[in-house]
Amino acid sequence: MIRLHTAATPNGRKVSIALEELGLPYEVNRVVLDDGEQFTEAFLSMNPNNKIPVLEDDGIAIWESGAILFHLADKHGKLLPADPKGRIEAIAHAFFQTGGLGPNLGRLAAQLRRPEGERNTEMIQIFGDECQRLLKVIDRILSDGRAYLAGEYSIGDIMHYPWLHPVFGLKAPMLMELPRVVAWMERIAERPAVQKGMAVPE
């Protein structure tokens, strides 16, 4: 049985979406981050970086969300295009998310969660501008009419969706001013597996 160690975060939900898309049975272990469960010896034995998610599969503990999605897609022959060009595009989009939108949205959100008087306006401007630039990159990718980032639905789309879901929910101008990106988000949101995966853990 596959076991997913996760929490209600964008990175955790990448994996639950992929598992639902693949139709795989799995157990969920909710890691209570506020209680520091990610720092226990049991958790650190699976992931020395004390971060969720971790996936146990076939006796292997896999950490880092991108590595987990690549493992699942490669093992089950889905969520990565079969043609070499599409395959490497999907992998590139996955790395683009982990190196671009993920960390920048995370830093922007961390500033915006602070009380107004404690916010660093310079950092908000820097991270906000970079998020807007990265969303325009996605818009440029979609400008040839493709439905998904690698042409067909892949780990590249799954990696982005949970991070952009709150931005989409807030109708943030940086996203809503890009109709192609909005339509792409709507296509992903309509998928039943995405809806199920976004509800994990309960």
N, C-alpha and C. Protein backbone atom coordinates (compact mmCIF):
# COMPACT_ATOMS: atom_id res chain seq x y z
N MET A 1 0.84 -1.20 0.00
CA MET A 1 0.00 0.00 0.00
C MET A 1 0.88 1.25 0.00
N ILE A 2 0.54 2.19 -0.85
CA ILE A 2 1.21 3.48 -0.87
C ILE A 2 0.76 4.27 0.34
N ARG A 3 1.71 4.93 1.00
CA ARG A 3 1.37 5.77 2.15
C ARG A 3 1.88 7.18 1.90
N LEU A 4 0.98 8.15 2.03
CA LEU A 4 1.31 9.55 1.81
C LEU A 4 1.32 10.28 3.15
N HIS A 5 2.46 10.84 3.48
CA HIS A 5 2.61 11.67 4.67
C HIS A 5 2.47 13.12 4.19
N THR A 6 1.43 13.80 4.67
CA THR A 6 1.09 15.08 4.05
C THR A 6 0.41 16.02 5.02
N ALA A 7 0.14 17.21 4.56
CA ALA A 7 -0.61 18.22 5.30
C ALA A 7 -1.36 19.06 4.28
N ALA A 8 -2.22 19.93 4.78
CA ALA A 8 -3.06 20.74 3.88
C ALA A 8 -2.28 21.92 3.32
N THR A 9 -1.29 21.61 2.49
CA THR A 9 -0.46 22.64 1.86
C THR A 9 -0.42 22.40 0.36
N PRO A 10 0.00 23.40 -0.42
CA PRO A 10 0.09 23.19 -1.87
C PRO A 10 1.00 22.03 -2.26
N ASN A 11 2.15 21.91 -1.62
CA ASN A 11 3.07 20.83 -1.99
C ASN A 11 2.48 19.46 -1.68
N GLY A 12 1.79 19.34 -0.56
CA GLY A 12 1.15 18.08 -0.24
C GLY A 12 0.08 17.71 -1.24
N ARG A 13 -0.67 18.70 -1.67
CA ARG A 13 -1.79 18.43 -2.56
C ARG A 13 -1.35 18.11 -3.99
N LYS A 14 -0.16 18.48 -4.36
CA LYS A 14 0.36 18.02 -5.65
C LYS A 14 0.32 16.50 -5.72
N VAL A 15 0.75 15.86 -4.63
CA VAL A 15 0.87 14.40 -4.63
C VAL A 15 -0.49 13.74 -4.54
N SER A 16 -1.38 14.26 -3.71
CA SER A 16 -2.71 13.64 -3.63
C SER A 16 -3.45 13.78 -4.95
N ILE A 17 -3.28 14.89 -5.66
CA ILE A 17 -3.89 15.03 -6.99
C ILE A 17 -3.34 13.97 -7.93
N ALA A 18 -2.01 13.81 -7.95
CA ALA A 18 -1.41 12.82 -8.85
C ALA A 18 -1.89 11.41 -8.53
N LEU A 19 -1.97 11.07 -7.25
CA LEU A 19 -2.45 9.75 -6.86
C LEU A 19 -3.90 9.53 -7.30
N GLU A 20 -4.72 10.56 -7.16
CA GLU A 20 -6.12 10.46 -7.60
C GLU A 20 -6.20 10.35 -9.12
N GLU A 21 -5.40 11.10 -9.83
CA GLU A 21 -5.40 11.03 -11.30
C GLU A 21 -5.01 9.63 -11.77
N LEU A 22 -4.08 9.00 -11.05
CA LEU A 22 -3.62 7.66 -11.43
C LEU A 22 -4.55 6.56 -10.93
N GLY A 23 -5.50 6.94 -10.08
CA GLY A 23 -6.45 5.96 -9.55
C GLY A 23 -5.82 4.94 -8.62
N LEU A 24 -4.77 5.36 -7.90
CA LEU A 24 -4.05 4.43 -7.02
C LEU A 24 -4.62 4.46 -5.61
N PRO A 25 -4.76 3.30 -4.99
CA PRO A 25 -5.16 3.29 -3.57
C PRO A 25 -3.98 3.75 -2.71
N TYR A 26 -4.27 4.52 -1.68
CA TYR A 26 -3.20 5.00 -0.81
C TYR A 26 -3.76 5.35 0.57
N GLU A 27 -2.91 5.24 1.56
CA GLU A 27 -3.24 5.66 2.91
C GLU A 27 -2.68 7.05 3.15
N VAL A 28 -3.38 7.82 3.98
CA VAL A 28 -2.94 9.17 4.29
C VAL A 28 -2.55 9.26 5.76
N ASN A 29 -1.36 9.74 6.01
CA ASN A 29 -0.93 10.08 7.37
C ASN A 29 -0.81 11.59 7.44
N ARG A 30 -1.73 12.21 8.17
CA ARG A 30 -1.69 13.67 8.30
C ARG A 30 -0.57 14.06 9.26
N VAL A 31 0.35 14.87 8.81
CA VAL A 31 1.45 15.36 9.63
C VAL A 31 1.02 16.72 10.19
N VAL A 32 0.93 16.81 11.50
CA VAL A 32 0.47 18.04 12.14
C VAL A 32 1.68 18.97 12.29
N LEU A 33 1.82 19.89 11.36
CA LEU A 33 3.00 20.75 11.31
C LEU A 33 3.08 21.65 12.54
N ASP A 34 1.94 22.15 12.99
CA ASP A 34 1.94 23.06 14.15
C ASP A 34 2.43 22.36 15.42
N ASP A 35 2.31 21.03 15.47
CA ASP A 35 2.81 20.27 16.62
C ASP A 35 4.25 19.80 16.44
N GLY A 36 4.83 20.15 15.28
CA GLY A 36 6.23 19.78 15.03
C GLY A 36 6.46 18.32 14.69
N GLU A 37 5.41 17.65 14.18
CA GLU A 37 5.56 16.22 13.87
C GLU A 37 6.60 15.97 12.77
N GLN A 38 6.86 16.98 11.96
CA GLN A 38 7.85 16.84 10.89
C GLN A 38 9.29 16.82 11.43
N PHE A 39 9.46 17.08 12.72
CA PHE A 39 10.79 17.07 13.33
C PHE A 39 11.05 15.80 14.16
N THR A 40 10.09 14.89 14.18
CA THR A 40 10.29 13.65 14.93
C THR A 40 11.32 12.78 14.23
N GLU A 41 11.94 11.90 15.02
CA GLU A 41 12.94 10.99 14.44
C GLU A 41 12.32 10.10 13.37
N ALA A 42 11.07 9.68 13.60
CA ALA A 42 10.40 8.82 12.62
C ALA A 42 10.25 9.53 11.28
N PHE A 43 9.87 10.81 11.33
CA PHE A 43 9.70 11.55 10.07
C PHE A 43 11.06 11.85 9.44
N LEU A 44 12.02 12.27 10.25
CA LEU A 44 13.34 12.61 9.71
C LEU A 44 14.04 11.40 9.10
N SER A 45 13.67 10.21 9.54
CA SER A 45 14.26 9.01 8.92
C SER A 45 13.79 8.83 7.49
N MET A 46 12.64 9.43 7.16
CA MET A 46 12.12 9.38 5.79
C MET A 46 12.56 10.59 4.98
N ASN A 47 12.58 11.75 5.62
CA ASN A 47 12.97 12.99 4.94
C ASN A 47 13.85 13.81 5.86
N PRO A 48 15.14 13.83 5.63
CA PRO A 48 16.04 14.61 6.48
C PRO A 48 15.79 16.11 6.42
N ASN A 49 15.03 16.55 5.43
CA ASN A 49 14.73 17.98 5.26
C ASN A 49 13.46 18.40 6.01
N ASN A 50 12.88 17.52 6.81
CA ASN A 50 11.71 17.81 7.66
C ASN A 50 10.59 18.59 6.97
N LYS A 51 10.28 18.18 5.76
CA LYS A 51 9.19 18.82 5.00
C LYS A 51 8.24 17.75 4.47
N ILE A 52 6.95 18.12 4.41
CA ILE A 52 6.02 17.25 3.70
C ILE A 52 5.99 17.72 2.25
N PRO A 53 5.59 16.84 1.32
CA PRO A 53 5.11 15.47 1.49
C PRO A 53 6.25 14.46 1.44
N VAL A 54 5.93 13.27 1.95
CA VAL A 54 6.77 12.08 1.77
C VAL A 54 5.85 10.97 1.29
N LEU A 55 6.33 10.21 0.32
CA LEU A 55 5.56 9.08 -0.20
C LEU A 55 6.33 7.80 0.05
N GLU A 56 5.69 6.83 0.71
CA GLU A 56 6.27 5.50 0.85
C GLU A 56 5.66 4.60 -0.21
N ASP A 57 6.51 4.03 -1.04
CA ASP A 57 6.04 3.20 -2.15
C ASP A 57 7.08 2.12 -2.43
N ASP A 58 6.66 0.87 -2.38
CA ASP A 58 7.56 -0.27 -2.63
C ASP A 58 8.80 -0.23 -1.74
N GLY A 59 8.61 0.14 -0.48
CA GLY A 59 9.72 0.13 0.47
C GLY A 59 10.67 1.31 0.34
N ILE A 60 10.32 2.28 -0.50
CA ILE A 60 11.16 3.48 -0.68
C ILE A 60 10.41 4.69 -0.14
N ALA A 61 11.11 5.53 0.61
CA ALA A 61 10.54 6.81 1.05
C ALA A 61 11.05 7.89 0.12
N ILE A 62 10.13 8.53 -0.59
CA ILE A 62 10.49 9.54 -1.59
C ILE A 62 10.07 10.90 -1.07
N TRP A 63 10.96 11.87 -1.11
CA TRP A 63 10.65 13.22 -0.65
C TRP A 63 10.98 14.21 -1.76
N GLU A 64 10.48 15.42 -1.59
CA GLU A 64 10.43 16.49 -2.60
C GLU A 64 9.29 16.19 -3.58
N SER A 65 8.34 17.12 -3.65
CA SER A 65 7.12 16.90 -4.42
C SER A 65 7.39 16.60 -5.89
N GLY A 66 8.36 17.29 -6.48
CA GLY A 66 8.66 17.05 -7.88
C GLY A 66 9.19 15.64 -8.11
N ALA A 67 10.05 15.17 -7.21
CA ALA A 67 10.59 13.82 -7.33
C ALA A 67 9.48 12.78 -7.18
N ILE A 68 8.54 13.05 -6.26
CA ILE A 68 7.43 12.12 -6.05
C ILE A 68 6.56 12.04 -7.30
N LEU A 69 6.22 13.19 -7.89
CA LEU A 69 5.38 13.17 -9.09
C LEU A 69 6.09 12.51 -10.26
N PHE A 70 7.39 12.76 -10.39
CA PHE A 70 8.13 12.11 -11.47
C PHE A 70 8.15 10.60 -11.25
N HIS A 71 8.36 10.16 -10.02
CA HIS A 71 8.36 8.73 -9.71
C HIS A 71 7.03 8.09 -10.09
N LEU A 72 5.93 8.71 -9.66
CA LEU A 72 4.61 8.13 -9.93
C LEU A 72 4.31 8.09 -11.42
N ALA A 73 4.61 9.21 -12.11
CA ALA A 73 4.32 9.26 -13.54
C ALA A 73 5.17 8.26 -14.31
N ASP A 74 6.44 8.16 -13.96
CA ASP A 74 7.35 7.26 -14.65
C ASP A 74 6.98 5.80 -14.39
N LYS A 75 6.64 5.49 -13.15
CA LYS A 75 6.32 4.11 -12.77
C LYS A 75 5.04 3.62 -13.43
N HIS A 76 4.04 4.51 -13.54
CA HIS A 76 2.72 4.09 -14.01
C HIS A 76 2.44 4.48 -15.46
N GLY A 77 3.39 5.15 -16.10
CA GLY A 77 3.25 5.45 -17.52
C GLY A 77 2.14 6.42 -17.85
N LYS A 78 1.84 7.32 -16.92
CA LYS A 78 0.83 8.34 -17.14
C LYS A 78 1.33 9.67 -16.58
N LEU A 79 0.70 10.75 -17.02
CA LEU A 79 1.00 12.11 -16.57
C LEU A 79 2.33 12.64 -17.08
N LEU A 80 2.96 11.90 -17.98
CA LEU A 80 4.11 12.38 -18.74
C LEU A 80 3.87 11.99 -20.19
N PRO A 81 3.95 12.92 -21.13
CA PRO A 81 3.75 12.57 -22.54
C PRO A 81 4.72 11.47 -22.98
N ALA A 82 4.28 10.65 -23.90
CA ALA A 82 5.11 9.55 -24.38
C ALA A 82 6.22 10.04 -25.32
N ASP A 83 5.94 11.11 -26.08
CA ASP A 83 6.95 11.59 -27.02
C ASP A 83 8.05 12.33 -26.26
N PRO A 84 9.31 12.21 -26.68
CA PRO A 84 10.43 12.80 -25.94
C PRO A 84 10.30 14.32 -25.74
N LYS A 85 9.81 15.03 -26.76
CA LYS A 85 9.68 16.49 -26.64
C LYS A 85 8.66 16.86 -25.57
N GLY A 86 7.50 16.23 -25.61
CA GLY A 86 6.47 16.52 -24.62
C GLY A 86 6.90 16.11 -23.23
N ARG A 87 7.60 14.97 -23.13
CA ARG A 87 8.07 14.48 -21.83
C ARG A 87 9.01 15.48 -21.17
N ILE A 88 10.00 15.96 -21.93
CA ILE A 88 10.97 16.88 -21.32
C ILE A 88 10.31 18.24 -21.05
N GLU A 89 9.33 18.63 -21.86
CA GLU A 89 8.59 19.85 -21.57
C GLU A 89 7.87 19.75 -20.24
N ALA A 90 7.21 18.63 -20.01
CA ALA A 90 6.48 18.44 -18.76
C ALA A 90 7.43 18.48 -17.57
N ILE A 91 8.59 17.85 -17.71
CA ILE A 91 9.58 17.86 -16.63
C ILE A 91 10.11 19.27 -16.41
N ALA A 92 10.35 20.00 -17.49
CA ALA A 92 10.81 21.39 -17.37
C ALA A 92 9.79 22.25 -16.64
N HIS A 93 8.51 22.07 -16.95
CA HIS A 93 7.46 22.84 -16.28
C HIS A 93 7.39 22.51 -14.80
N ALA A 94 7.66 21.25 -14.45
CA ALA A 94 7.67 20.86 -13.04
C ALA A 94 8.82 21.58 -12.32
N PHE A 95 10.01 21.59 -12.91
CA PHE A 95 11.14 22.30 -12.31
C PHE A 95 10.88 23.80 -12.27
N PHE A 96 10.24 24.33 -13.29
CA PHE A 96 9.90 25.76 -13.35
C PHE A 96 9.03 26.14 -12.16
N GLN A 97 8.11 25.25 -11.79
CA GLN A 97 7.24 25.55 -10.65
C GLN A 97 8.02 25.53 -9.34
N THR A 98 8.85 24.52 -9.15
CA THR A 98 9.56 24.41 -7.87
C THR A 98 10.61 25.50 -7.70
N GLY A 99 11.15 25.99 -8.81
CA GLY A 99 12.17 27.04 -8.73
C GLY A 99 11.64 28.44 -8.90
N GLY A 100 10.37 28.55 -9.36
CA GLY A 100 9.84 29.87 -9.69
C GLY A 100 8.62 30.25 -8.89
N LEU A 101 7.45 29.84 -9.37
CA LEU A 101 6.20 30.28 -8.74
C LEU A 101 6.07 29.81 -7.29
N GLY A 102 6.49 28.59 -7.01
CA GLY A 102 6.35 28.07 -5.65
C GLY A 102 7.04 28.95 -4.61
N PRO A 103 8.36 29.10 -4.71
CA PRO A 103 9.04 29.90 -3.69
C PRO A 103 8.64 31.37 -3.68
N ASN A 104 8.38 31.95 -4.84
CA ASN A 104 8.01 33.37 -4.86
C ASN A 104 6.62 33.61 -4.30
N LEU A 105 5.66 32.74 -4.63
CA LEU A 105 4.33 32.87 -4.04
C LEU A 105 4.39 32.62 -2.54
N GLY A 106 5.23 31.68 -2.12
CA GLY A 106 5.37 31.40 -0.70
C GLY A 106 5.91 32.60 0.06
N ARG A 107 6.90 33.25 -0.49
CA ARG A 107 7.49 34.42 0.18
C ARG A 107 6.54 35.60 0.17
N LEU A 108 5.81 35.76 -0.92
CA LEU A 108 4.82 36.83 -0.99
C LEU A 108 3.72 36.60 0.05
N ALA A 109 3.22 35.37 0.13
CA ALA A 109 2.16 35.06 1.09
C ALA A 109 2.64 35.24 2.52
N ALA A 110 3.90 34.89 2.79
CA ALA A 110 4.44 35.04 4.14
C ALA A 110 4.43 36.50 4.57
N GLN A 111 4.73 37.40 3.63
CA GLN A 111 4.69 38.83 3.95
C GLN A 111 3.26 39.32 4.15
N LEU A 112 2.35 38.86 3.30
CA LEU A 112 0.97 39.33 3.37
C LEU A 112 0.23 38.80 4.60
N ARG A 113 0.71 37.69 5.16
CA ARG A 113 0.10 37.15 6.38
C ARG A 113 0.50 37.94 7.63
N ARG A 114 1.53 38.72 7.53
CA ARG A 114 1.96 39.51 8.68
C ARG A 114 0.97 40.64 8.97
N PRO A 115 0.91 41.11 10.22
CA PRO A 115 0.11 42.31 10.49
C PRO A 115 0.60 43.45 9.60
N GLU A 116 -0.31 44.30 9.17
CA GLU A 116 0.02 45.33 8.18
C GLU A 116 1.26 46.14 8.56
N GLY A 117 1.38 46.48 9.82
CA GLY A 117 2.50 47.31 10.25
C GLY A 117 3.85 46.61 10.24
N GLU A 118 3.83 45.27 10.12
CA GLU A 118 5.07 44.49 10.13
C GLU A 118 5.48 44.02 8.75
N ARG A 119 4.71 44.36 7.75
CA ARG A 119 5.02 43.90 6.39
C ARG A 119 6.18 44.68 5.80
N ASN A 120 7.00 43.98 5.04
CA ASN A 120 8.10 44.60 4.33
C ASN A 120 7.60 44.93 2.92
N THR A 121 7.28 46.19 2.70
CA THR A 121 6.68 46.59 1.41
C THR A 121 7.63 46.35 0.24
N GLU A 122 8.94 46.48 0.49
CA GLU A 122 9.90 46.24 -0.59
C GLU A 122 9.86 44.78 -1.02
N MET A 123 9.80 43.86 -0.04
CA MET A 123 9.74 42.44 -0.36
C MET A 123 8.43 42.08 -1.07
N ILE A 124 7.33 42.69 -0.63
CA ILE A 124 6.04 42.45 -1.28
C ILE A 124 6.12 42.87 -2.75
N GLN A 125 6.75 44.00 -3.00
CA GLN A 125 6.89 44.49 -4.38
C GLN A 125 7.76 43.54 -5.20
N ILE A 126 8.88 43.12 -4.62
CA ILE A 126 9.81 42.24 -5.35
C ILE A 126 9.16 40.90 -5.68
N PHE A 127 8.57 40.26 -4.66
CA PHE A 127 7.99 38.94 -4.89
C PHE A 127 6.72 39.04 -5.73
N GLY A 128 5.94 40.11 -5.53
CA GLY A 128 4.74 40.31 -6.34
C GLY A 128 5.07 40.50 -7.80
N ASP A 129 6.08 41.31 -8.08
CA ASP A 129 6.50 41.54 -9.46
C ASP A 129 7.00 40.26 -10.12
N GLU A 130 7.75 39.44 -9.34
CA GLU A 130 8.28 38.21 -9.91
C GLU A 130 7.16 37.21 -10.18
N CYS A 131 6.17 37.13 -9.29
CA CYS A 131 5.03 36.24 -9.53
C CYS A 131 4.27 36.67 -10.78
N GLN A 132 4.09 37.96 -10.94
CA GLN A 132 3.40 38.46 -12.13
C GLN A 132 4.19 38.11 -13.40
N ARG A 133 5.52 38.26 -13.33
CA ARG A 133 6.36 37.91 -14.48
C ARG A 133 6.24 36.43 -14.82
N LEU A 134 6.24 35.58 -13.79
CA LEU A 134 6.17 34.14 -14.02
C LEU A 134 4.81 33.72 -14.58
N LEU A 135 3.76 34.37 -14.14
CA LEU A 135 2.44 34.09 -14.71
C LEU A 135 2.38 34.49 -16.18
N LYS A 136 3.08 35.54 -16.53
CA LYS A 136 3.14 35.94 -17.94
C LYS A 136 3.92 34.93 -18.77
N VAL A 137 4.89 34.25 -18.14
CA VAL A 137 5.59 33.17 -18.83
C VAL A 137 4.62 32.04 -19.15
N ILE A 138 3.78 31.68 -18.18
CA ILE A 138 2.78 30.65 -18.43
C ILE A 138 1.83 31.08 -19.54
N ASP A 139 1.43 32.34 -19.52
CA ASP A 139 0.56 32.87 -20.57
C ASP A 139 1.23 32.75 -21.94
N ARG A 140 2.52 33.02 -21.99
CA ARG A 140 3.26 32.92 -23.25
C ARG A 140 3.30 31.47 -23.73
N ILE A 141 3.48 30.53 -22.81
CA ILE A 141 3.49 29.11 -23.16
C ILE A 141 2.15 28.69 -23.74
N LEU A 142 1.06 29.19 -23.15
CA LEU A 142 -0.29 28.80 -23.59
C LEU A 142 -0.75 29.56 -24.84
N SER A 143 0.04 30.52 -25.30
CA SER A 143 -0.41 31.41 -26.37
C SER A 143 -0.57 30.71 -27.72
N ASP A 144 0.00 29.50 -27.86
CA ASP A 144 -0.15 28.79 -29.14
C ASP A 144 -1.45 27.97 -29.19
N GLY A 145 -2.27 28.08 -28.16
CA GLY A 145 -3.57 27.40 -28.15
C GLY A 145 -3.59 26.06 -27.46
N ARG A 146 -2.45 25.63 -26.91
CA ARG A 146 -2.41 24.33 -26.21
C ARG A 146 -3.32 24.39 -24.99
N ALA A 147 -3.89 23.26 -24.63
CA ALA A 147 -4.79 23.20 -23.47
C ALA A 147 -4.03 23.15 -22.16
N TYR A 148 -2.85 22.49 -22.19
CA TYR A 148 -2.05 22.31 -20.98
C TYR A 148 -0.59 22.65 -21.30
N LEU A 149 0.23 22.76 -20.27
CA LEU A 149 1.57 23.30 -20.45
C LEU A 149 2.43 22.48 -21.40
N ALA A 150 2.33 21.16 -21.33
CA ALA A 150 3.12 20.31 -22.23
C ALA A 150 2.30 19.81 -23.41
N GLY A 151 1.15 20.45 -23.66
CA GLY A 151 0.23 20.01 -24.71
C GLY A 151 -0.86 19.15 -24.10
N GLU A 152 -0.46 17.99 -23.56
CA GLU A 152 -1.41 17.15 -22.83
C GLU A 152 -1.21 17.36 -21.33
N TYR A 153 -2.22 17.02 -20.57
CA TYR A 153 -2.20 17.17 -19.11
C TYR A 153 -1.06 16.35 -18.52
N SER A 154 -0.31 16.97 -17.60
CA SER A 154 0.89 16.30 -17.10
C SER A 154 1.24 16.76 -15.69
N ILE A 155 2.34 16.23 -15.18
CA ILE A 155 2.83 16.66 -13.87
C ILE A 155 3.14 18.15 -13.86
N GLY A 156 3.44 18.74 -15.01
CA GLY A 156 3.70 20.17 -15.06
C GLY A 156 2.49 20.99 -14.64
N ASP A 157 1.31 20.58 -15.05
CA ASP A 157 0.08 21.28 -14.65
C ASP A 157 -0.24 21.01 -13.18
N ILE A 158 -0.09 19.76 -12.76
CA ILE A 158 -0.41 19.39 -11.38
C ILE A 158 0.48 20.17 -10.41
N MET A 159 1.75 20.32 -10.74
CA MET A 159 2.68 21.02 -9.85
C MET A 159 2.24 22.47 -9.61
N HIS A 160 1.69 23.11 -10.62
CA HIS A 160 1.30 24.52 -10.50
C HIS A 160 -0.04 24.72 -9.80
N TYR A 161 -0.98 23.82 -10.04
CA TYR A 161 -2.36 24.11 -9.65
C TYR A 161 -2.55 24.40 -8.17
N PRO A 162 -2.06 23.59 -7.23
CA PRO A 162 -2.35 23.89 -5.82
C PRO A 162 -1.76 25.22 -5.34
N TRP A 163 -0.65 25.63 -5.95
CA TRP A 163 -0.05 26.90 -5.58
C TRP A 163 -0.84 28.08 -6.12
N LEU A 164 -1.41 27.93 -7.31
CA LEU A 164 -2.17 29.03 -7.91
C LEU A 164 -3.63 29.02 -7.49
N HIS A 165 -4.09 27.94 -6.90
CA HIS A 165 -5.50 27.84 -6.48
C HIS A 165 -5.92 28.99 -5.56
N PRO A 166 -5.15 29.34 -4.53
CA PRO A 166 -5.56 30.47 -3.68
C PRO A 166 -5.55 31.80 -4.43
N VAL A 167 -4.60 31.97 -5.33
CA VAL A 167 -4.52 33.20 -6.13
C VAL A 167 -5.76 33.32 -7.00
N PHE A 168 -6.16 32.20 -7.59
CA PHE A 168 -7.36 32.14 -8.42
C PHE A 168 -8.60 32.40 -7.57
N GLY A 169 -8.65 31.81 -6.39
CA GLY A 169 -9.80 31.99 -5.50
C GLY A 169 -9.97 33.42 -5.05
N LEU A 170 -8.85 34.12 -4.88
CA LEU A 170 -8.89 35.53 -4.46
C LEU A 170 -9.13 36.48 -5.63
N LYS A 171 -9.19 35.92 -6.84
CA LYS A 171 -9.35 36.74 -8.06
C LYS A 171 -8.26 37.81 -8.15
N ALA A 172 -7.05 37.41 -7.82
CA ALA A 172 -5.94 38.36 -7.83
C ALA A 172 -5.71 38.89 -9.24
N PRO A 173 -5.58 40.21 -9.40
CA PRO A 173 -5.41 40.78 -10.74
C PRO A 173 -4.24 40.19 -11.52
N MET A 174 -3.15 39.82 -10.84
CA MET A 174 -1.98 39.30 -11.56
C MET A 174 -2.32 38.06 -12.37
N LEU A 175 -3.34 37.31 -11.93
CA LEU A 175 -3.78 36.13 -12.66
C LEU A 175 -5.00 36.43 -13.53
N MET A 176 -5.96 37.15 -12.97
CA MET A 176 -7.22 37.38 -13.67
C MET A 176 -7.06 38.23 -14.93
N GLU A 177 -5.98 38.97 -15.02
CA GLU A 177 -5.72 39.78 -16.22
C GLU A 177 -5.15 38.96 -17.37
N LEU A 178 -4.99 37.65 -17.15
CA LEU A 178 -4.43 36.76 -18.17
C LEU A 178 -5.48 35.70 -18.51
N PRO A 179 -6.36 35.96 -19.46
CA PRO A 179 -7.48 35.04 -19.75
C PRO A 179 -7.05 33.62 -20.09
N ARG A 180 -5.94 33.46 -20.78
CA ARG A 180 -5.49 32.10 -21.12
C ARG A 180 -5.11 31.33 -19.87
N VAL A 181 -4.49 32.02 -18.92
CA VAL A 181 -4.10 31.36 -17.67
C VAL A 181 -5.35 31.03 -16.84
N VAL A 182 -6.31 31.92 -16.84
CA VAL A 182 -7.58 31.66 -16.15
C VAL A 182 -8.26 30.43 -16.74
N ALA A 183 -8.33 30.34 -18.06
CA ALA A 183 -8.98 29.20 -18.72
C ALA A 183 -8.25 27.90 -18.42
N TRP A 184 -6.93 27.95 -18.39
CA TRP A 184 -6.11 26.77 -18.04
C TRP A 184 -6.42 26.32 -16.61
N MET A 185 -6.48 27.27 -15.68
CA MET A 185 -6.82 26.93 -14.29
C MET A 185 -8.22 26.32 -14.21
N GLU A 186 -9.15 26.86 -14.96
CA GLU A 186 -10.52 26.34 -14.94
C GLU A 186 -10.58 24.92 -15.48
N ARG A 187 -9.79 24.64 -16.53
CA ARG A 187 -9.76 23.27 -17.09
C ARG A 187 -9.24 22.28 -16.04
N ILE A 188 -8.22 22.67 -15.34
CA ILE A 188 -7.66 21.77 -14.31
C ILE A 188 -8.66 21.60 -13.17
N ALA A 189 -9.29 22.70 -12.75
CA ALA A 189 -10.22 22.68 -11.62
C ALA A 189 -11.42 21.76 -11.87
N GLU A 190 -11.78 21.59 -13.13
CA GLU A 190 -12.95 20.77 -13.47
C GLU A 190 -12.68 19.27 -13.36
N ARG A 191 -11.43 18.87 -13.26
CA ARG A 191 -11.09 17.46 -13.24
C ARG A 191 -11.49 16.84 -11.89
N PRO A 192 -12.27 15.76 -11.89
CA PRO A 192 -12.71 15.14 -10.63
C PRO A 192 -11.54 14.73 -9.72
N ALA A 193 -10.45 14.24 -10.31
CA ALA A 193 -9.32 13.82 -9.50
C ALA A 193 -8.66 15.01 -8.81
N VAL A 194 -8.66 16.15 -9.47
CA VAL A 194 -8.11 17.36 -8.86
C VAL A 194 -8.96 17.77 -7.67
N GLN A 195 -10.27 17.73 -7.85
CA GLN A 195 -11.18 18.09 -6.74
C GLN A 195 -10.99 17.15 -5.55
N LYS A 196 -10.82 15.86 -5.81
CA LYS A 196 -10.59 14.91 -4.73
C LYS A 196 -9.24 15.14 -4.07
N GLY A 197 -8.23 15.33 -4.88
CA GLY A 197 -6.88 15.53 -4.35
C GLY A 197 -6.75 16.80 -3.53
N MET A 198 -7.48 17.84 -3.91
CA MET A 198 -7.42 19.10 -3.16
C MET A 198 -8.09 18.98 -1.80
N ALA A 199 -8.86 17.94 -1.56
CA ALA A 199 -9.52 17.73 -0.27
C ALA A 199 -8.72 16.85 0.67
N VAL A 200 -7.49 16.48 0.29
CA VAL A 200 -6.64 15.62 1.10
C VAL A 200 -5.56 16.48 1.77
N PRO A 201 -5.29 16.31 3.05
CA PRO A 201 -6.02 15.46 3.99
C PRO A 201 -7.32 16.13 4.43
N GLU A 202 -8.25 15.31 4.93
CA GLU A 202 -9.54 15.84 5.34
C GLU A 202 -9.38 16.72 6.59
